[in-house]
């Protein structure tokens, strides 16, 4: 399902989002003060570069932001933000063992939060809300 943009124009950028669950909690990052939407909480991810598949972009962005490897499992949703960014949301699995090394230019902190904690967090990035509204209850019972 695609959430249509506010403006009736083509997306200007394309991106991927990693949805990783572990022990009933979602992996989220606090964006650094040096990026767009500074210090907000969101799922890891970023832009798709020319010539990249969404899966390749997910792996690259995850490594760039967190210094770790993710295995894309399946795309679960697509959305277009009001800022005309077309996002592909992917379930992913971490490669064990892992130890996050956040890129301080992009990521201030790494956290594991429950769906409820994330939904109610005042710093949640607005473009993540539709995903949580649509899938939040289902994520509570997900075993990925």
N, C-alpha and C. Protein backbone atom coordinates (compact mmCIF):
# COMPACT_ATOMS: atom_id res chain seq x y z
N UNK A 1 0.84 -1.18 0.00
CA UNK A 1 0.00 0.00 0.00
C UNK A 1 0.88 1.23 0.00
N UNK A 2 0.53 2.21 -0.78
CA UNK A 2 1.32 3.44 -0.88
C UNK A 2 0.53 4.58 -0.26
N UNK A 3 1.15 5.32 0.62
CA UNK A 3 0.59 6.53 1.18
C UNK A 3 0.91 7.64 0.20
N UNK A 4 -0.09 8.23 -0.42
CA UNK A 4 0.15 9.23 -1.46
C UNK A 4 0.70 10.52 -0.88
N UNK A 5 1.55 11.19 -1.64
CA UNK A 5 2.10 12.46 -1.17
C UNK A 5 1.04 13.54 -1.17
N UNK A 6 1.30 14.60 -0.42
CA UNK A 6 0.37 15.72 -0.38
C UNK A 6 0.28 16.41 -1.73
N UNK A 7 1.41 16.56 -2.39
CA UNK A 7 1.42 17.18 -3.72
C UNK A 7 1.28 16.08 -4.76
N UNK A 8 0.58 16.33 -5.82
CA UNK A 8 0.37 15.35 -6.89
C UNK A 8 1.52 15.40 -7.89
N UNK A 9 2.72 15.16 -7.39
CA UNK A 9 3.91 15.17 -8.24
C UNK A 9 4.71 13.91 -7.99
N UNK A 10 5.63 13.63 -8.88
CA UNK A 10 6.49 12.46 -8.74
C UNK A 10 7.42 12.62 -7.54
N UNK A 11 7.80 11.49 -6.90
CA UNK A 11 8.78 11.58 -5.82
C UNK A 11 10.09 12.18 -6.33
N UNK A 12 10.75 12.89 -5.45
CA UNK A 12 12.02 13.49 -5.83
C UNK A 12 13.21 12.68 -5.34
N UNK A 13 12.97 11.79 -4.38
CA UNK A 13 14.04 10.92 -3.86
C UNK A 13 13.44 9.57 -3.53
N UNK A 14 14.32 8.57 -3.47
CA UNK A 14 13.91 7.21 -3.12
C UNK A 14 14.79 6.72 -1.98
N UNK A 15 14.19 6.00 -1.05
CA UNK A 15 14.95 5.53 0.09
C UNK A 15 14.47 4.18 0.60
N UNK A 16 15.25 3.63 1.52
CA UNK A 16 14.95 2.35 2.14
C UNK A 16 14.99 2.50 3.66
N UNK A 17 14.16 1.71 4.32
CA UNK A 17 14.09 1.72 5.77
C UNK A 17 14.26 0.30 6.28
N UNK A 18 15.09 0.13 7.31
CA UNK A 18 15.32 -1.19 7.92
C UNK A 18 14.45 -1.34 9.16
N UNK A 19 13.66 -2.39 9.18
CA UNK A 19 12.85 -2.73 10.35
C UNK A 19 13.44 -4.01 10.92
N UNK A 20 14.06 -3.88 12.08
CA UNK A 20 14.74 -5.00 12.73
C UNK A 20 14.13 -5.18 14.12
N UNK A 21 13.68 -6.40 14.42
CA UNK A 21 13.13 -6.70 15.75
C UNK A 21 14.02 -7.70 16.45
N UNK A 22 14.10 -7.54 17.76
CA UNK A 22 14.88 -8.46 18.59
C UNK A 22 14.26 -8.44 19.98
N UNK A 23 13.86 -9.60 20.45
CA UNK A 23 13.27 -9.72 21.79
C UNK A 23 12.10 -8.76 21.99
N UNK A 24 11.27 -8.62 20.97
CA UNK A 24 10.08 -7.79 21.08
C UNK A 24 10.32 -6.29 20.97
N UNK A 25 11.53 -5.91 20.60
CA UNK A 25 11.84 -4.48 20.49
C UNK A 25 12.34 -4.16 19.09
N UNK A 26 12.10 -2.92 18.68
CA UNK A 26 12.52 -2.42 17.37
C UNK A 26 13.84 -1.66 17.49
N UNK A 27 14.69 -1.84 16.50
CA UNK A 27 15.94 -1.09 16.43
C UNK A 27 15.65 0.30 15.87
N UNK A 28 16.04 1.33 16.62
CA UNK A 28 15.87 2.71 16.17
C UNK A 28 17.16 3.47 16.44
N UNK A 29 17.31 4.55 15.71
CA UNK A 29 18.47 5.42 15.90
C UNK A 29 17.99 6.82 16.28
N UNK A 30 18.83 7.53 17.00
CA UNK A 30 18.63 8.96 17.20
C UNK A 30 19.57 9.63 16.21
N UNK A 31 18.99 10.40 15.30
CA UNK A 31 19.79 11.07 14.28
C UNK A 31 20.70 12.11 14.92
N UNK A 32 21.87 12.32 14.31
CA UNK A 32 22.81 13.30 14.86
C UNK A 32 22.29 14.71 14.61
N UNK A 33 22.93 15.64 15.23
CA UNK A 33 22.55 17.04 15.05
C UNK A 33 23.00 17.59 13.70
N UNK A 34 23.78 16.82 12.94
CA UNK A 34 24.37 17.28 11.68
C UNK A 34 23.57 16.88 10.45
N UNK A 35 22.41 16.23 10.61
CA UNK A 35 21.63 15.75 9.46
C UNK A 35 20.26 16.41 9.45
N UNK A 36 19.52 16.19 8.36
CA UNK A 36 18.14 16.67 8.28
C UNK A 36 17.34 16.01 9.39
N UNK A 37 16.41 16.73 9.98
CA UNK A 37 15.60 16.26 11.11
C UNK A 37 16.51 15.85 12.28
N UNK A 38 17.36 16.76 12.74
CA UNK A 38 18.32 16.42 13.77
C UNK A 38 17.68 15.95 15.07
N UNK A 39 18.34 14.97 15.69
CA UNK A 39 18.01 14.45 17.01
C UNK A 39 16.65 13.77 17.11
N UNK A 40 16.05 13.43 15.97
CA UNK A 40 14.80 12.68 16.01
C UNK A 40 15.10 11.18 16.05
N UNK A 41 14.12 10.41 16.52
CA UNK A 41 14.22 8.96 16.52
C UNK A 41 13.59 8.43 15.25
N UNK A 42 14.22 7.43 14.65
CA UNK A 42 13.68 6.83 13.44
C UNK A 42 14.32 5.46 13.22
N UNK A 43 13.79 4.75 12.25
CA UNK A 43 14.38 3.49 11.85
C UNK A 43 15.63 3.80 11.01
N UNK A 44 16.63 2.92 11.04
CA UNK A 44 17.80 3.14 10.19
C UNK A 44 17.42 3.07 8.70
N UNK A 45 18.16 3.78 7.88
CA UNK A 45 17.92 3.74 6.45
C UNK A 45 18.46 4.97 5.77
N UNK A 46 18.17 5.07 4.48
CA UNK A 46 18.66 6.22 3.73
C UNK A 46 18.35 6.10 2.26
N UNK A 47 19.01 6.91 1.49
CA UNK A 47 18.72 7.03 0.07
C UNK A 47 19.22 5.88 -0.78
N UNK A 48 18.49 5.63 -1.86
CA UNK A 48 18.91 4.66 -2.87
C UNK A 48 19.72 5.41 -3.91
N UNK A 49 20.96 4.97 -4.13
CA UNK A 49 21.85 5.60 -5.09
C UNK A 49 21.53 5.11 -6.50
N UNK A 50 21.84 5.93 -7.52
CA UNK A 50 21.61 5.49 -8.91
C UNK A 50 22.30 4.15 -9.17
N UNK A 51 21.56 3.23 -9.78
CA UNK A 51 22.09 1.92 -10.12
C UNK A 51 21.98 0.88 -9.01
N UNK A 52 21.57 1.29 -7.82
CA UNK A 52 21.43 0.36 -6.70
C UNK A 52 20.04 -0.25 -6.67
N UNK A 53 19.96 -1.49 -6.24
CA UNK A 53 18.66 -2.08 -5.92
C UNK A 53 18.31 -1.63 -4.50
N UNK A 54 17.03 -1.72 -4.13
CA UNK A 54 16.68 -1.39 -2.74
C UNK A 54 17.44 -2.25 -1.73
N UNK A 55 17.64 -3.53 -2.04
CA UNK A 55 18.37 -4.41 -1.12
C UNK A 55 19.82 -3.94 -0.94
N UNK A 56 20.46 -3.57 -2.04
CA UNK A 56 21.85 -3.08 -1.95
C UNK A 56 21.91 -1.80 -1.14
N UNK A 57 20.95 -0.92 -1.35
CA UNK A 57 20.92 0.35 -0.61
C UNK A 57 20.72 0.10 0.88
N UNK A 58 19.86 -0.85 1.22
CA UNK A 58 19.61 -1.17 2.63
C UNK A 58 20.89 -1.64 3.31
N UNK A 59 21.60 -2.56 2.66
CA UNK A 59 22.86 -3.09 3.21
C UNK A 59 23.88 -1.97 3.35
N UNK A 60 24.03 -1.15 2.31
CA UNK A 60 25.02 -0.05 2.35
C UNK A 60 24.68 0.97 3.44
N UNK A 61 23.43 1.41 3.46
CA UNK A 61 23.03 2.42 4.45
C UNK A 61 23.20 1.91 5.88
N UNK A 62 22.84 0.66 6.11
CA UNK A 62 22.96 0.08 7.45
C UNK A 62 24.43 0.04 7.88
N UNK A 63 25.29 -0.35 6.95
CA UNK A 63 26.73 -0.40 7.26
C UNK A 63 27.26 1.02 7.49
N UNK A 64 26.84 1.99 6.66
CA UNK A 64 27.30 3.37 6.82
C UNK A 64 26.86 3.97 8.15
N UNK A 65 25.62 3.71 8.55
CA UNK A 65 25.08 4.31 9.77
C UNK A 65 25.54 3.59 11.03
N UNK A 66 25.55 2.25 10.98
CA UNK A 66 25.76 1.48 12.20
C UNK A 66 26.98 0.56 12.19
N UNK A 67 27.69 0.48 11.07
CA UNK A 67 28.89 -0.33 11.01
C UNK A 67 28.63 -1.82 11.10
N UNK A 68 27.44 -2.25 10.73
CA UNK A 68 27.08 -3.67 10.82
C UNK A 68 26.41 -4.15 9.55
N UNK A 69 26.23 -5.46 9.47
CA UNK A 69 25.63 -6.08 8.29
C UNK A 69 24.19 -6.47 8.58
N UNK A 70 23.33 -6.16 7.63
CA UNK A 70 21.93 -6.56 7.70
C UNK A 70 21.63 -7.44 6.49
N UNK A 71 20.79 -8.43 6.70
CA UNK A 71 20.33 -9.27 5.60
C UNK A 71 18.89 -8.87 5.30
N UNK A 72 18.62 -8.29 4.13
CA UNK A 72 17.23 -7.95 3.78
C UNK A 72 16.40 -9.22 3.63
N UNK A 73 15.29 -9.31 4.34
CA UNK A 73 14.43 -10.50 4.28
C UNK A 73 13.28 -10.33 3.30
N UNK A 74 12.53 -9.23 3.48
CA UNK A 74 11.44 -8.97 2.53
C UNK A 74 10.94 -7.54 2.71
N UNK A 75 10.49 -7.00 1.58
CA UNK A 75 9.88 -5.67 1.63
C UNK A 75 8.48 -5.84 2.19
N UNK A 76 8.11 -4.98 3.14
CA UNK A 76 6.81 -5.11 3.77
C UNK A 76 5.87 -3.95 3.49
N UNK A 77 6.38 -2.83 2.99
CA UNK A 77 5.51 -1.68 2.78
C UNK A 77 6.23 -0.65 1.92
N UNK A 78 5.46 0.23 1.31
CA UNK A 78 5.98 1.40 0.62
C UNK A 78 5.17 2.60 1.05
N UNK A 79 5.82 3.73 1.12
CA UNK A 79 5.12 4.98 1.44
C UNK A 79 5.81 6.12 0.72
N UNK A 80 5.10 7.22 0.58
CA UNK A 80 5.67 8.45 0.05
C UNK A 80 5.41 9.53 1.09
N UNK A 81 6.46 10.16 1.55
CA UNK A 81 6.31 11.18 2.58
C UNK A 81 5.75 12.47 1.98
N UNK A 82 5.25 13.36 2.83
CA UNK A 82 4.81 14.66 2.33
C UNK A 82 5.94 15.45 1.66
N UNK A 83 7.19 15.04 1.91
CA UNK A 83 8.36 15.69 1.32
C UNK A 83 8.76 15.01 0.02
N UNK A 84 7.88 14.12 -0.46
CA UNK A 84 8.04 13.43 -1.75
C UNK A 84 9.24 12.48 -1.77
N UNK A 85 9.46 11.82 -0.65
CA UNK A 85 10.48 10.76 -0.59
C UNK A 85 9.74 9.43 -0.61
N UNK A 86 10.01 8.62 -1.63
CA UNK A 86 9.39 7.30 -1.78
C UNK A 86 10.22 6.31 -0.97
N UNK A 87 9.62 5.75 0.08
CA UNK A 87 10.32 4.84 0.98
C UNK A 87 9.87 3.41 0.78
N UNK A 88 10.82 2.49 0.80
CA UNK A 88 10.55 1.06 0.79
C UNK A 88 10.99 0.53 2.16
N UNK A 89 10.05 -0.07 2.86
CA UNK A 89 10.28 -0.57 4.21
C UNK A 89 10.58 -2.07 4.14
N UNK A 90 11.70 -2.48 4.76
CA UNK A 90 12.17 -3.85 4.70
C UNK A 90 12.36 -4.46 6.08
N UNK A 91 11.86 -5.69 6.25
CA UNK A 91 12.29 -6.47 7.41
C UNK A 91 13.71 -6.93 7.13
N UNK A 92 14.54 -6.85 8.14
CA UNK A 92 15.91 -7.29 7.99
C UNK A 92 16.37 -8.04 9.22
N UNK A 93 17.43 -8.80 9.04
CA UNK A 93 18.01 -9.60 10.12
C UNK A 93 19.47 -9.22 10.28
N UNK A 94 19.89 -9.05 11.52
CA UNK A 94 21.29 -8.75 11.81
C UNK A 94 22.13 -10.01 11.68
N UNK A 95 23.37 -9.84 11.25
CA UNK A 95 24.31 -10.95 11.18
C UNK A 95 24.99 -11.04 12.54
N UNK A 96 24.89 -12.20 13.17
CA UNK A 96 25.48 -12.43 14.50
C UNK A 96 26.93 -12.83 14.37
N UNK A 97 27.78 -12.51 15.31
CA UNK A 97 27.55 -11.54 16.37
C UNK A 97 27.66 -10.12 15.81
N UNK A 98 27.05 -9.18 16.48
CA UNK A 98 27.11 -7.80 16.00
C UNK A 98 27.46 -6.86 17.14
N UNK A 99 28.06 -5.76 16.77
CA UNK A 99 28.35 -4.68 17.72
C UNK A 99 28.26 -3.38 16.94
N UNK A 100 27.26 -2.60 17.24
CA UNK A 100 27.05 -1.36 16.50
C UNK A 100 28.19 -0.38 16.75
N UNK A 101 28.61 0.27 15.66
CA UNK A 101 29.59 1.35 15.73
C UNK A 101 28.94 2.51 14.97
N UNK A 102 28.13 3.32 15.68
CA UNK A 102 27.41 4.39 15.00
C UNK A 102 28.34 5.41 14.34
N UNK A 103 27.97 5.82 13.13
CA UNK A 103 28.68 6.88 12.42
C UNK A 103 28.22 8.19 13.05
N UNK A 104 29.09 8.82 13.82
CA UNK A 104 28.69 10.00 14.59
C UNK A 104 28.23 11.18 13.73
N UNK A 105 28.58 11.18 12.45
CA UNK A 105 28.09 12.23 11.56
C UNK A 105 26.61 12.06 11.27
N UNK A 106 26.10 10.83 11.41
CA UNK A 106 24.70 10.54 11.08
C UNK A 106 23.87 10.06 12.27
N UNK A 107 24.51 9.37 13.22
CA UNK A 107 23.77 8.70 14.30
C UNK A 107 24.35 9.12 15.65
N UNK A 108 23.47 9.62 16.50
CA UNK A 108 23.88 10.01 17.85
C UNK A 108 23.81 8.82 18.82
N UNK A 109 22.77 7.97 18.64
CA UNK A 109 22.59 6.85 19.56
C UNK A 109 21.78 5.75 18.88
N UNK A 110 21.93 4.53 19.42
CA UNK A 110 21.19 3.36 18.95
C UNK A 110 20.36 2.87 20.13
N UNK A 111 19.09 2.55 19.87
CA UNK A 111 18.21 2.11 20.94
C UNK A 111 17.33 0.96 20.46
N UNK A 112 16.88 0.16 21.40
CA UNK A 112 15.87 -0.87 21.16
C UNK A 112 14.64 -0.45 21.95
N UNK A 113 13.52 -0.21 21.26
CA UNK A 113 12.29 0.25 21.91
C UNK A 113 11.12 -0.64 21.52
N UNK A 114 10.18 -0.78 22.44
CA UNK A 114 8.95 -1.50 22.10
C UNK A 114 8.12 -0.62 21.17
N UNK A 115 7.14 -1.22 20.53
CA UNK A 115 6.24 -0.46 19.66
C UNK A 115 5.59 0.67 20.45
N UNK A 116 5.12 0.37 21.65
CA UNK A 116 4.47 1.38 22.48
C UNK A 116 5.41 2.52 22.85
N UNK A 117 6.63 2.19 23.21
CA UNK A 117 7.61 3.23 23.56
C UNK A 117 7.90 4.12 22.36
N UNK A 118 8.03 3.52 21.19
CA UNK A 118 8.33 4.29 19.99
C UNK A 118 7.15 5.15 19.57
N UNK A 119 5.95 4.55 19.57
CA UNK A 119 4.74 5.31 19.19
C UNK A 119 4.54 6.56 20.04
N UNK A 120 4.85 6.46 21.32
CA UNK A 120 4.58 7.57 22.23
C UNK A 120 5.77 8.50 22.44
N UNK A 121 6.88 8.21 21.77
CA UNK A 121 8.08 9.02 21.99
C UNK A 121 7.92 10.40 21.34
N UNK A 122 8.18 11.46 22.09
CA UNK A 122 8.00 12.82 21.53
C UNK A 122 8.97 13.17 20.41
N UNK A 123 10.08 12.44 20.29
CA UNK A 123 11.08 12.75 19.27
C UNK A 123 10.97 11.88 18.03
N UNK A 124 9.88 11.12 17.91
CA UNK A 124 9.72 10.23 16.76
C UNK A 124 9.59 11.05 15.47
N UNK A 125 10.36 10.67 14.44
CA UNK A 125 10.30 11.33 13.14
C UNK A 125 8.91 11.13 12.54
N UNK A 126 8.28 12.19 12.10
CA UNK A 126 6.90 12.15 11.64
C UNK A 126 6.65 11.14 10.52
N UNK A 127 7.63 10.94 9.64
CA UNK A 127 7.41 10.01 8.52
C UNK A 127 7.38 8.55 8.97
N UNK A 128 7.70 8.26 10.23
CA UNK A 128 7.63 6.89 10.76
C UNK A 128 6.27 6.58 11.36
N UNK A 129 5.47 7.60 11.65
CA UNK A 129 4.18 7.40 12.30
C UNK A 129 3.22 6.56 11.47
N UNK A 130 3.04 6.82 10.15
CA UNK A 130 2.11 5.98 9.38
C UNK A 130 2.46 4.50 9.41
N UNK A 131 3.76 4.18 9.38
CA UNK A 131 4.17 2.78 9.45
C UNK A 131 3.74 2.16 10.78
N UNK A 132 4.00 2.86 11.87
CA UNK A 132 3.63 2.33 13.19
C UNK A 132 2.12 2.23 13.35
N UNK A 133 1.38 3.18 12.79
CA UNK A 133 -0.09 3.11 12.85
C UNK A 133 -0.61 1.89 12.10
N UNK A 134 -0.01 1.59 10.96
CA UNK A 134 -0.46 0.48 10.14
C UNK A 134 -0.02 -0.87 10.68
N UNK A 135 1.22 -0.97 11.15
CA UNK A 135 1.80 -2.26 11.50
C UNK A 135 2.12 -2.45 12.98
N UNK A 136 1.94 -1.43 13.78
CA UNK A 136 2.35 -1.50 15.19
C UNK A 136 1.82 -2.70 15.94
N UNK A 137 0.53 -2.96 15.82
CA UNK A 137 -0.05 -4.08 16.55
C UNK A 137 0.49 -5.41 16.03
N UNK A 138 0.69 -5.51 14.72
CA UNK A 138 1.25 -6.73 14.13
C UNK A 138 2.69 -6.95 14.57
N UNK A 139 3.45 -5.87 14.71
CA UNK A 139 4.85 -5.97 15.11
C UNK A 139 4.99 -6.51 16.53
N UNK A 140 4.00 -6.27 17.36
CA UNK A 140 4.07 -6.75 18.75
C UNK A 140 4.16 -8.27 18.81
N UNK A 141 3.63 -8.95 17.80
CA UNK A 141 3.62 -10.41 17.79
C UNK A 141 4.59 -11.00 16.80
N UNK A 142 5.41 -10.14 16.18
CA UNK A 142 6.36 -10.60 15.16
C UNK A 142 7.58 -11.24 15.84
N UNK A 143 8.07 -12.29 15.24
CA UNK A 143 9.22 -12.99 15.81
C UNK A 143 10.47 -12.83 14.96
N UNK A 144 10.56 -11.78 14.17
CA UNK A 144 11.76 -11.57 13.36
C UNK A 144 12.85 -10.95 14.19
